[in-house]
Protein backbone atom coordinates (compact mmCIF):
# COMPACT_ATOMS: atom_id res chain seq x y z
CA MET A 1 0.00 0.00 0.00
CA LYS A 2 2.82 2.38 0.90
CA ARG A 3 4.50 1.66 -2.44
CA ILE A 4 1.35 2.48 -4.37
CA ARG A 5 0.95 5.76 -2.49
CA HIS A 6 4.55 6.73 -3.35
CA LYS A 7 3.98 5.88 -7.00
CA ILE A 8 0.82 7.98 -7.08
CA GLN A 9 2.62 10.91 -5.43
CA PHE A 10 5.48 10.62 -7.93
CA LEU A 11 3.03 10.49 -10.82
CA LEU A 12 1.17 13.58 -9.56
CA LEU A 13 4.42 15.50 -9.12
CA SER A 14 5.53 14.47 -12.61
CA ILE A 15 2.26 15.63 -14.12
CA SER A 16 2.41 18.92 -12.18
CA PHE A 17 5.97 19.57 -13.37
CA GLY A 18 5.02 18.74 -16.95
CA VAL A 19 2.07 21.14 -16.94
CA ALA A 20 4.16 23.92 -15.39
CA HIS A 21 6.90 23.31 -17.95
CA ILE A 22 4.47 23.55 -20.89
CA ALA A 23 3.09 26.92 -19.74
CA VAL A 24 6.52 28.62 -19.75
CA ALA A 25 6.52 29.85 -23.39
CA GLU A 26 7.43 33.53 -23.51
CA VAL A 27 6.98 36.47 -25.77
CA VAL A 28 9.96 37.50 -27.91
CA ILE A 29 10.62 40.78 -29.67
CA VAL A 30 11.00 40.39 -33.43
CA GLY A 31 11.79 42.82 -36.19
CA ASN A 32 12.61 43.40 -39.81
CA SER A 33 16.07 42.22 -40.80
CA ASN A 34 17.32 45.84 -40.92
CA VAL A 35 16.55 46.45 -37.22
CA PRO A 36 19.53 45.99 -34.87
CA LYS A 37 19.35 43.96 -31.65
CA ILE A 38 17.78 45.98 -28.84
CA ASP A 39 17.55 45.88 -25.06
CA VAL A 40 14.56 46.14 -22.71
CA ALA A 41 15.00 49.89 -22.16
CA THR A 42 14.84 50.45 -25.92
CA VAL A 43 11.71 48.27 -26.22
CA GLN A 44 10.06 50.32 -23.49
CA LYS A 45 10.91 53.59 -25.24
CA ILE A 46 9.70 52.28 -28.61
CA TYR A 47 6.35 51.10 -27.23
CA ALA A 48 5.97 54.30 -25.19
CA GLY A 49 6.41 56.36 -28.35
CA LYS A 50 9.65 57.92 -27.15
CA PHE A 51 12.00 56.39 -29.77
CA ILE A 52 11.30 56.67 -33.45
CA SER A 53 14.67 55.35 -34.63
CA VAL A 54 17.38 52.99 -33.44
CA GLU A 55 20.88 53.35 -34.87
CA GLY A 56 19.50 55.35 -37.78
CA VAL A 57 16.69 52.91 -38.60
CA ASN A 58 13.18 54.42 -38.38
CA ILE A 59 11.07 52.10 -36.20
CA THR A 60 7.44 51.15 -36.80
CA PRO A 61 6.13 49.14 -33.83
CA VAL A 62 3.03 46.94 -33.97
CA SER A 63 1.11 45.23 -31.18
CA LEU A 64 -1.18 42.27 -30.92
CA LYS A 65 -4.83 43.03 -30.25
CA THR A 66 -6.00 44.01 -26.79
CA GLY A 67 -6.89 41.00 -24.68
CA SER A 68 -4.50 38.53 -26.30
CA THR A 69 -2.37 36.41 -23.98
CA GLN A 70 0.82 37.44 -25.78
CA ARG A 71 -0.02 41.14 -25.41
CA ASP A 72 -0.65 40.70 -21.68
CA GLN A 73 2.69 38.86 -21.34
CA PHE A 74 4.48 41.54 -23.37
CA LEU A 75 3.06 44.33 -21.22
CA GLN A 76 3.97 42.52 -18.02
CA ILE A 77 7.45 41.30 -19.01
CA PHE A 78 8.75 44.19 -21.12
CA MET A 79 6.68 47.23 -20.12
CA ASN A 80 6.07 46.44 -16.42
CA GLN A 81 2.43 47.43 -16.93
CA ASP A 82 -0.98 45.90 -17.32
CA GLU A 83 -3.47 46.68 -20.10
CA GLU A 84 -5.27 49.32 -18.05
CA LYS A 85 -2.10 51.34 -17.35
CA TYR A 86 -0.83 51.03 -20.92
CA THR A 87 -4.17 52.14 -22.39
CA ALA A 88 -4.37 55.06 -19.93
CA TYR A 89 -0.83 56.11 -20.86
CA TRP A 90 -1.69 56.23 -24.55
CA THR A 91 -5.02 57.96 -23.90
CA VAL A 92 -3.15 60.85 -22.26
CA ARG A 93 -0.41 60.96 -24.94
CA ARG A 94 -2.99 61.06 -27.71
CA TYR A 95 -5.00 63.77 -25.91
CA VAL A 96 -1.97 66.05 -25.52
CA GLY A 97 -0.85 65.44 -29.10
CA LYS A 98 2.18 63.29 -28.33
CA GLY A 99 1.37 60.47 -30.73
CA THR A 100 -0.72 57.36 -31.13
CA PRO A 101 -0.21 53.82 -29.88
CA PRO A 102 1.24 51.15 -32.17
CA ASN A 103 -1.21 49.63 -34.65
CA GLU A 104 -2.82 46.42 -33.42
CA LEU A 105 -2.75 43.24 -35.50
CA GLU A 106 -4.96 40.20 -35.02
CA SER A 107 -2.41 37.38 -34.91
CA ALA A 108 1.23 36.37 -34.77
CA ALA A 109 1.01 35.49 -38.47
CA GLU A 110 0.00 39.09 -39.24
CA VAL A 111 2.84 40.43 -37.08
CA ILE A 112 5.35 38.19 -38.87
CA LYS A 113 4.06 39.19 -42.31
CA PHE A 114 4.19 42.88 -41.36
CA ILE A 115 7.71 42.82 -39.92
CA GLN A 116 9.10 40.82 -42.82
CA SER A 117 7.65 43.23 -45.41
CA THR A 118 8.16 46.55 -43.59
CA PRO A 119 11.66 48.00 -43.07
CA GLY A 120 12.05 49.14 -39.47
CA ALA A 121 9.08 47.13 -38.22
CA VAL A 122 9.16 45.74 -34.67
CA GLY A 123 6.62 43.47 -32.98
CA TYR A 124 6.28 40.63 -30.52
CA ILE A 125 5.10 37.05 -30.80
CA ASP A 126 5.08 33.89 -28.73
CA GLU A 127 8.47 32.18 -28.93
CA THR A 128 6.75 29.05 -30.28
CA GLU A 129 5.86 31.07 -33.42
CA VAL A 130 9.53 31.79 -34.22
CA LYS A 131 10.57 30.03 -37.44
CA ASP A 132 13.61 30.21 -39.71
CA GLY A 133 14.00 33.64 -41.23
CA ILE A 134 12.39 35.54 -38.33
CA HIS A 135 14.78 38.12 -36.90
CA VAL A 136 14.62 37.88 -33.09
CA LEU A 137 15.72 41.12 -31.46
CA LEU A 138 15.29 40.20 -27.79
CA ARG A 139 14.27 37.18 -25.74
CA GLY A 140 12.89 37.65 -22.24
CA LYS A 141 14.56 40.38 -20.21
CA ASN A 142 18.17 39.69 -21.29
């Protein structure tokens, strides 16, 4: 009986670890091939509308639609904000004439298509969407 209980506990721990491991996929910052590698501070300035170029390359950021899991992860990991704070920030900037938020796209496929066809484009996608030919600018908070 004791052996069976240990096996069940081991099995439950194994399943728990496996589920936790699967949920670890992160958002990565991707860009057109002409965009140089960037750091977190630069990402924050780009998505706050404070940088329009990096090393002489004019930047065009895009976001995923409001409410998407990847957008929420991006805001949390890279911007240290939630949707409410980010939206409020851009509401004020727009009102005082300091710009508009990045255009929102529906899916990672749209982000990839946009960044590959638009010089200076920057976006974010789930790391599981990264395929050959996609220029990754930053992973996590490296």
